[in-house]
Amino acid sequence: MRRVCLGVDPKPGASRGGAGGRCQLKSADVASLRMLRRARDRIDRDYAEQIDIPALAAGAGYSREHFIRAFRTTYGETPGRYRTRRRVERACELLRSANLTVTEICHLVGFTSLGTFSARFAELTGMSPTAYRKQAAERGGPAPIPGCYALMWQAGLPEPGPGERITSREAPAPGRAVQSLHEPQAHQPGQRSSH
């Protein structure tokens, strides 16, 4: 990330770039940087969502054009380009670690077109997603996570419906501890002995 001082006033007699030049940010500039950071954090968090740049700008208190200029000045790239880079970074991670098709990964990271995904991926990494996966496999590393687990992680587990229960043996009943199948069952008060 490039560091850029926006709207700074050097102390009288000090140059902006010199060793003796200390800058003080105006309170409005600190607030602007805070709003830009929140917008960037939202892109980081919701990279797979279809976030409108005008909505990010409005949330930061900017017009669309001013927001794009301020974001580029502060972070060195436009918000759209930043979002694309974050999506490709996540796609790289999935290509290395999950057993999913390129198309599934394309949609998981927020692209709607496989052609656009492949073009942006090649722009940023210098190779196609398939070539990237092949190169990662040749380098070795952990076995890929099965695709069904990766998709489940993304979507989450469904909530039980009315009247449904979790039936897993591992799920403890409310107020009871999980007990090993190999340990003898301890007698509890109010419980009949089976011996």
C-alpha atoms as a PDB file:
ATOM      1  CA  MET A   1       0.000   0.000   0.000  1.00  0.00           C
ATOM      2  CA  ARG A   2       1.291   3.452  -0.885  1.00  0.00           C
ATOM      3  CA  ARG A   3       1.310   5.988   1.889  1.00  0.00           C
ATOM      4  CA  VAL A   4       0.091   9.368   0.838  1.00  0.00           C
ATOM      5  CA  CYS A   5      -0.539  12.374   3.053  1.00  0.00           C
ATOM      6  CA  LEU A   6      -3.722  14.083   1.978  1.00  0.00           C
ATOM      7  CA  GLY A   7      -4.507  17.630   2.911  1.00  0.00           C
ATOM      8  CA  VAL A   8      -1.514  18.186   5.167  1.00  0.00           C
ATOM      9  CA  ASP A   9      -0.172  21.505   6.226  1.00  0.00           C
ATOM     10  CA  PRO A  10       3.546  21.484   6.991  1.00  0.00           C
ATOM     11  CA  LYS A  11       4.614  23.510   9.969  1.00  0.00           C
ATOM     12  CA  PRO A  12       5.805  26.970   8.985  1.00  0.00           C
ATOM     13  CA  GLY A  13       9.308  26.861   7.548  1.00  0.00           C
ATOM     14  CA  ALA A  14       9.320  23.084   7.082  1.00  0.00           C
ATOM     15  CA  SER A  15       9.302  21.340   3.752  1.00  0.00           C
ATOM     16  CA  ARG A  16       6.923  18.424   3.099  1.00  0.00           C
ATOM     17  CA  GLY A  17       9.607  15.895   2.208  1.00  0.00           C
ATOM     18  CA  GLY A  18      12.505  17.024   4.373  1.00  0.00           C
ATOM     19  CA  ALA A  19      13.682  15.250   7.484  1.00  0.00           C
ATOM     20  CA  GLY A  20      12.639  18.180   9.655  1.00  0.00           C
ATOM     21  CA  GLY A  21       9.217  18.522   8.049  1.00  0.00           C
ATOM     22  CA  ARG A  22       6.507  17.228  10.363  1.00  0.00           C
ATOM     23  CA  CYS A  23       2.970  17.104   9.025  1.00  0.00           C
ATOM     24  CA  GLN A  24      -0.215  17.495  10.960  1.00  0.00           C
ATOM     25  CA  LEU A  25      -3.416  16.091   9.524  1.00  0.00           C
ATOM     26  CA  LYS A  26      -6.461  18.269   9.741  1.00  0.00           C
ATOM     27  CA  SER A  27      -9.398  16.703  11.568  1.00  0.00           C
ATOM     28  CA  ALA A  28     -11.436  16.672   8.325  1.00  0.00           C
ATOM     29  CA  ASP A  29      -8.617  14.715   6.623  1.00  0.00           C
ATOM     30  CA  VAL A  30      -8.514  12.158   9.436  1.00  0.00           C
ATOM     31  CA  ALA A  31     -12.274  11.693   9.094  1.00  0.00           C
ATOM     32  CA  SER A  32     -11.907  11.290   5.310  1.00  0.00           C
ATOM     33  CA  LEU A  33      -9.189   8.666   5.732  1.00  0.00           C
ATOM     34  CA  ARG A  34     -11.355   6.868   8.285  1.00  0.00           C
ATOM     35  CA  MET A  35     -14.282   6.759   5.834  1.00  0.00           C
ATOM     36  CA  LEU A  36     -12.031   5.524   3.021  1.00  0.00           C
ATOM     37  CA  ARG A  37     -10.641   2.829   5.313  1.00  0.00           C
ATOM     38  CA  ARG A  38     -14.182   1.718   6.172  1.00  0.00           C
ATOM     39  CA  ALA A  39     -15.002   1.476   2.463  1.00  0.00           C
ATOM     40  CA  ARG A  40     -11.839  -0.560   1.864  1.00  0.00           C
ATOM     41  CA  ASP A  41     -12.668  -2.809   4.827  1.00  0.00           C
ATOM     42  CA  ARG A  42     -16.141  -3.377   3.396  1.00  0.00           C
ATOM     43  CA  ILE A  43     -14.606  -4.398   0.065  1.00  0.00           C
ATOM     44  CA  ASP A  44     -12.283  -6.789   1.942  1.00  0.00           C
ATOM     45  CA  ARG A  45     -15.163  -8.282   3.908  1.00  0.00           C
ATOM     46  CA  ASP A  46     -17.772  -8.449   1.122  1.00  0.00           C
ATOM     47  CA  TYR A  47     -15.486  -9.011  -1.898  1.00  0.00           C
ATOM     48  CA  ALA A  48     -17.800 -11.694  -3.330  1.00  0.00           C
ATOM     49  CA  GLU A  49     -20.880  -9.461  -3.153  1.00  0.00           C
ATOM     50  CA  GLN A  50     -21.977  -7.160  -5.967  1.00  0.00           C
ATOM     51  CA  ILE A  51     -21.132  -3.881  -4.198  1.00  0.00           C
ATOM     52  CA  ASP A  52     -21.912  -0.750  -6.177  1.00  0.00           C
ATOM     53  CA  ILE A  53     -19.164   1.849  -6.210  1.00  0.00           C
ATOM     54  CA  PRO A  54     -21.843   4.602  -5.856  1.00  0.00           C
ATOM     55  CA  ALA A  55     -23.109   2.855  -2.696  1.00  0.00           C
ATOM     56  CA  LEU A  56     -19.575   2.749  -1.256  1.00  0.00           C
ATOM     57  CA  ALA A  57     -19.134   6.414  -2.169  1.00  0.00           C
ATOM     58  CA  ALA A  58     -22.401   7.395  -0.522  1.00  0.00           C
ATOM     59  CA  GLY A  59     -21.450   5.434   2.597  1.00  0.00           C
ATOM     60  CA  ALA A  60     -18.162   7.346   2.730  1.00  0.00           C
ATOM     61  CA  GLY A  61     -19.906  10.693   2.138  1.00  0.00           C
ATOM     62  CA  TYR A  62     -18.458  11.291  -1.343  1.00  0.00           C
ATOM     63  CA  SER A  63     -19.771  11.646  -4.844  1.00  0.00           C
ATOM     64  CA  ARG A  64     -18.870   8.664  -7.058  1.00  0.00           C
ATOM     65  CA  GLU A  65     -16.122  10.519  -8.954  1.00  0.00           C
ATOM     66  CA  HIS A  66     -14.588  12.143  -5.870  1.00  0.00           C
ATOM     67  CA  PHE A  67     -14.616   8.802  -4.030  1.00  0.00           C
ATOM     68  CA  ILE A  68     -12.775   7.052  -6.868  1.00  0.00           C
ATOM     69  CA  ARG A  69     -10.146   9.841  -6.981  1.00  0.00           C
ATOM     70  CA  ALA A  70      -9.682   9.880  -3.188  1.00  0.00           C
ATOM     71  CA  PHE A  71      -9.465   6.074  -3.012  1.00  0.00           C
ATOM     72  CA  ARG A  72      -6.892   5.971  -5.831  1.00  0.00           C
ATOM     73  CA  THR A  73      -4.835   8.718  -4.204  1.00  0.00           C
ATOM     74  CA  THR A  74      -4.885   6.970  -0.838  1.00  0.00           C
ATOM     75  CA  TYR A  75      -4.488   3.308  -1.869  1.00  0.00           C
ATOM     76  CA  GLY A  76      -2.863   3.513  -5.297  1.00  0.00           C
ATOM     77  CA  GLU A  77      -5.725   1.914  -7.249  1.00  0.00           C
ATOM     78  CA  THR A  78      -9.408   2.488  -7.882  1.00  0.00           C
ATOM     79  CA  PRO A  79     -11.994   0.769  -5.657  1.00  0.00           C
ATOM     80  CA  GLY A  80     -13.095  -1.461  -8.554  1.00  0.00           C
ATOM     81  CA  ARG A  81      -9.534  -2.518  -9.267  1.00  0.00           C
ATOM     82  CA  TYR A  82      -8.910  -3.143  -5.560  1.00  0.00           C
ATOM     83  CA  ARG A  83     -12.041  -5.347  -5.362  1.00  0.00           C
ATOM     84  CA  THR A  84     -10.907  -7.302  -8.450  1.00  0.00           C
ATOM     85  CA  ARG A  85      -7.456  -7.858  -6.943  1.00  0.00           C
ATOM     86  CA  ARG A  86      -8.974  -9.115  -3.677  1.00  0.00           C
ATOM     87  CA  ARG A  87     -11.222 -11.514  -5.625  1.00  0.00           C
ATOM     88  CA  VAL A  88      -8.256 -12.863  -7.591  1.00  0.00           C
ATOM     89  CA  GLU A  89      -6.218 -13.276  -4.376  1.00  0.00           C
ATOM     90  CA  ARG A  90      -9.042 -15.326  -2.876  1.00  0.00           C
ATOM     91  CA  ALA A  91      -9.352 -17.332  -6.104  1.00  0.00           C
ATOM     92  CA  CYS A  92      -5.617 -18.142  -5.911  1.00  0.00           C
ATOM     93  CA  GLU A  93      -6.104 -19.478  -2.403  1.00  0.00           C
ATOM     94  CA  LEU A  94      -9.056 -21.627  -3.494  1.00  0.00           C
ATOM     95  CA  LEU A  95      -7.199 -22.913  -6.558  1.00  0.00           C
ATOM     96  CA  ARG A  96      -4.352 -24.052  -4.300  1.00  0.00           C
ATOM     97  CA  SER A  97      -6.449 -25.527  -1.520  1.00  0.00           C
ATOM     98  CA  ALA A  98      -9.936 -26.592  -2.692  1.00  0.00           C
ATOM     99  CA  ASN A  99     -11.079 -29.299  -5.045  1.00  0.00           C
ATOM    100  CA  LEU A 100     -13.486 -27.052  -6.977  1.00  0.00           C
ATOM    101  CA  THR A 101     -13.778 -26.338 -10.679  1.00  0.00           C
ATOM    102  CA  VAL A 102     -12.535 -23.021 -12.039  1.00  0.00           C
ATOM    103  CA  THR A 103     -16.147 -22.069 -12.785  1.00  0.00           C
ATOM    104  CA  GLU A 104     -17.219 -22.758  -9.179  1.00  0.00           C
ATOM    105  CA  ILE A 105     -14.322 -20.672  -7.882  1.00  0.00           C
ATOM    106  CA  CYS A 106     -15.183 -17.905 -10.351  1.00  0.00           C
ATOM    107  CA  HIS A 107     -18.687 -17.634  -8.900  1.00  0.00           C
ATOM    108  CA  LEU A 108     -17.610 -18.112  -5.273  1.00  0.00           C
ATOM    109  CA  VAL A 109     -15.304 -15.091  -5.398  1.00  0.00           C
ATOM    110  CA  GLY A 110     -17.941 -12.838  -6.976  1.00  0.00           C
ATOM    111  CA  PHE A 111     -17.375 -12.900 -10.728  1.00  0.00           C
ATOM    112  CA  THR A 112     -20.432 -13.525 -12.891  1.00  0.00           C
ATOM    113  CA  SER A 113     -18.533 -14.267 -16.110  1.00  0.00           C
ATOM    114  CA  LEU A 114     -15.906 -16.972 -16.488  1.00  0.00           C
ATOM    115  CA  GLY A 115     -14.337 -15.035 -19.383  1.00  0.00           C
ATOM    116  CA  THR A 116     -13.942 -11.867 -17.296  1.00  0.00           C
ATOM    117  CA  PHE A 117     -12.605 -13.899 -14.369  1.00  0.00           C
ATOM    118  CA  SER A 118     -10.001 -15.631 -16.553  1.00  0.00           C
ATOM    119  CA  ALA A 119      -8.941 -12.355 -18.180  1.00  0.00           C
ATOM    120  CA  ARG A 120      -8.561 -10.504 -14.850  1.00  0.00           C
ATOM    121  CA  PHE A 121      -6.808 -13.503 -13.290  1.00  0.00           C
ATOM    122  CA  ALA A 122      -4.279 -13.650 -16.151  1.00  0.00           C
ATOM    123  CA  GLU A 123      -3.777  -9.856 -15.965  1.00  0.00           C
ATOM    124  CA  LEU A 124      -2.853 -10.024 -12.299  1.00  0.00           C
ATOM    125  CA  THR A 125      -0.989 -13.344 -12.077  1.00  0.00           C
ATOM    126  CA  GLY A 126       0.429 -13.732 -15.575  1.00  0.00           C
ATOM    127  CA  MET A 127      -1.227 -17.130 -16.144  1.00  0.00           C
ATOM    128  CA  SER A 128      -4.636 -18.728 -16.507  1.00  0.00           C
ATOM    129  CA  PRO A 129      -6.437 -20.156 -13.445  1.00  0.00           C
ATOM    130  CA  THR A 130      -5.861 -23.701 -14.739  1.00  0.00           C
ATOM    131  CA  ALA A 131      -2.120 -23.080 -15.237  1.00  0.00           C
ATOM    132  CA  TYR A 132      -1.940 -21.523 -11.758  1.00  0.00           C
ATOM    133  CA  ARG A 133      -3.579 -24.606 -10.218  1.00  0.00           C
ATOM    134  CA  LYS A 134      -1.226 -26.929 -12.119  1.00  0.00           C
ATOM    135  CA  GLN A 135       1.832 -24.962 -11.006  1.00  0.00           C
ATOM    136  CA  ALA A 136       0.616 -24.980  -7.382  1.00  0.00           C
ATOM    137  CA  ALA A 137       0.110 -28.769  -7.528  1.00  0.00           C
ATOM    138  CA  GLU A 138       3.647 -29.249  -8.897  1.00  0.00           C
ATOM    139  CA  ARG A 139       5.082 -27.225  -6.005  1.00  0.00           C
ATOM    140  CA  GLY A 140       3.293 -29.531  -3.581  1.00  0.00           C
ATOM    141  CA  GLY A 141       1.473 -28.616  -0.434  1.00  0.00           C
ATOM    142  CA  PRO A 142      -1.482 -29.855   1.553  1.00  0.00           C
ATOM    143  CA  ALA A 143      -4.127 -32.005  -0.113  1.00  0.00           C
ATOM    144  CA  PRO A 144      -7.007 -29.986  -1.530  1.00  0.00           C
ATOM    145  CA  ILE A 145     -10.082 -29.554   0.630  1.00  0.00           C
ATOM    146  CA  PRO A 146     -13.031 -31.417  -0.897  1.00  0.00           C
ATOM    147  CA  GLY A 147     -15.213 -29.005  -2.839  1.00  0.00           C
ATOM    148  CA  CYS A 148     -18.364 -29.913  -0.913  1.00  0.00           C
ATOM    149  CA  TYR A 149     -16.736 -28.686   2.320  1.00  0.00           C
ATOM    150  CA  ALA A 150     -15.566 -25.458   0.719  1.00  0.00           C
ATOM    151  CA  LEU A 151     -19.053 -24.793  -0.666  1.00  0.00           C
ATOM    152  CA  MET A 152     -20.635 -25.655   2.700  1.00  0.00           C
ATOM    153  CA  TRP A 153     -18.235 -23.243   4.429  1.00  0.00           C
ATOM    154  CA  GLN A 154     -19.282 -20.493   2.022  1.00  0.00           C
ATOM    155  CA  ALA A 155     -23.035 -21.141   2.298  1.00  0.00           C
ATOM    156  CA  GLY A 156     -23.232 -22.370   5.893  1.00  0.00           C
ATOM    157  CA  LEU A 157     -25.325 -25.184   7.283  1.00  0.00           C
ATOM    158  CA  PRO A 158     -29.101 -24.965   7.061  1.00  0.00           C
ATOM    159  CA  GLU A 159     -30.959 -24.217  10.276  1.00  0.00           C
ATOM    160  CA  PRO A 160     -33.102 -27.084  11.615  1.00  0.00           C
ATOM    161  CA  GLY A 161     -36.777 -26.599  10.856  1.00  0.00           C
ATOM    162  CA  PRO A 162     -39.571 -26.584  13.440  1.00  0.00           C
ATOM    163  CA  GLY A 163     -39.656 -29.909  15.245  1.00  0.00           C
ATOM    164  CA  GLU A 164     -36.324 -31.090  13.756  1.00  0.00           C
ATOM    165  CA  ARG A 165     -33.422 -32.004  15.982  1.00  0.00           C
ATOM    166  CA  ILE A 166     -29.730 -32.520  15.539  1.00  0.00           C
ATOM    167  CA  THR A 167     -29.321 -36.287  15.536  1.00  0.00           C
ATOM    168  CA  SER A 168     -25.545 -36.544  15.686  1.00  0.00           C
ATOM    169  CA  ARG A 169     -24.216 -38.710  18.491  1.00  0.00           C
ATOM    170  CA  GLU A 170     -21.526 -36.097  19.097  1.00  0.00           C
ATOM    171  CA  ALA A 171     -24.018 -33.346  19.873  1.00  0.00           C
ATOM    172  CA  PRO A 172     -24.517 -33.319  23.651  1.00  0.00           C
ATOM    173  CA  ALA A 173     -27.979 -32.979  25.126  1.00  0.00           C
ATOM    174  CA  PRO A 174     -28.529 -29.668  26.911  1.00  0.00           C
ATOM    175  CA  GLY A 175     -26.852 -29.727  30.319  1.00  0.00           C
ATOM    176  CA  ARG A 176     -25.034 -33.034  29.729  1.00  0.00           C
ATOM    177  CA  ALA A 177     -21.378 -33.597  28.933  1.00  0.00           C
ATOM    178  CA  VAL A 178     -20.230 -35.704  26.006  1.00  0.00           C
ATOM    179  CA  GLN A 179     -19.171 -39.130  27.184  1.00  0.00           C
ATOM    180  CA  SER A 180     -16.786 -41.511  25.490  1.00  0.00           C
ATOM    181  CA  LEU A 181     -18.320 -44.705  24.153  1.00  0.00           C
ATOM    182  CA  HIS A 182     -15.501 -46.653  25.823  1.00  0.00           C
ATOM    183  CA  GLU A 183     -16.026 -45.315  29.351  1.00  0.00           C
ATOM    184  CA  PRO A 184     -18.544 -46.984  31.649  1.00  0.00           C
ATOM    185  CA  GLN A 185     -21.613 -44.862  32.211  1.00  0.00           C
ATOM    186  CA  ALA A 186     -21.623 -43.195  35.619  1.00  0.00           C
ATOM    187  CA  HIS A 187     -24.743 -43.596  37.749  1.00  0.00           C
ATOM    188  CA  GLN A 188     -26.690 -40.350  37.948  1.00  0.00           C
ATOM    189  CA  PRO A 189     -29.158 -39.580  40.746  1.00  0.00           C
ATOM    190  CA  GLY A 190     -32.706 -40.390  39.685  1.00  0.00           C
ATOM    191  CA  GLN A 191     -31.486 -42.803  37.003  1.00  0.00           C
ATOM    192  CA  ARG A 192     -32.204 -46.543  37.139  1.00  0.00           C
ATOM    193  CA  SER A 193     -29.263 -48.870  37.054  1.00  0.00           C
ATOM    194  CA  SER A 194     -29.209 -51.282  34.134  1.00  0.00           C
ATOM    195  CA  HIS A 195     -27.201 -53.918  36.080  1.00  0.00           C
END
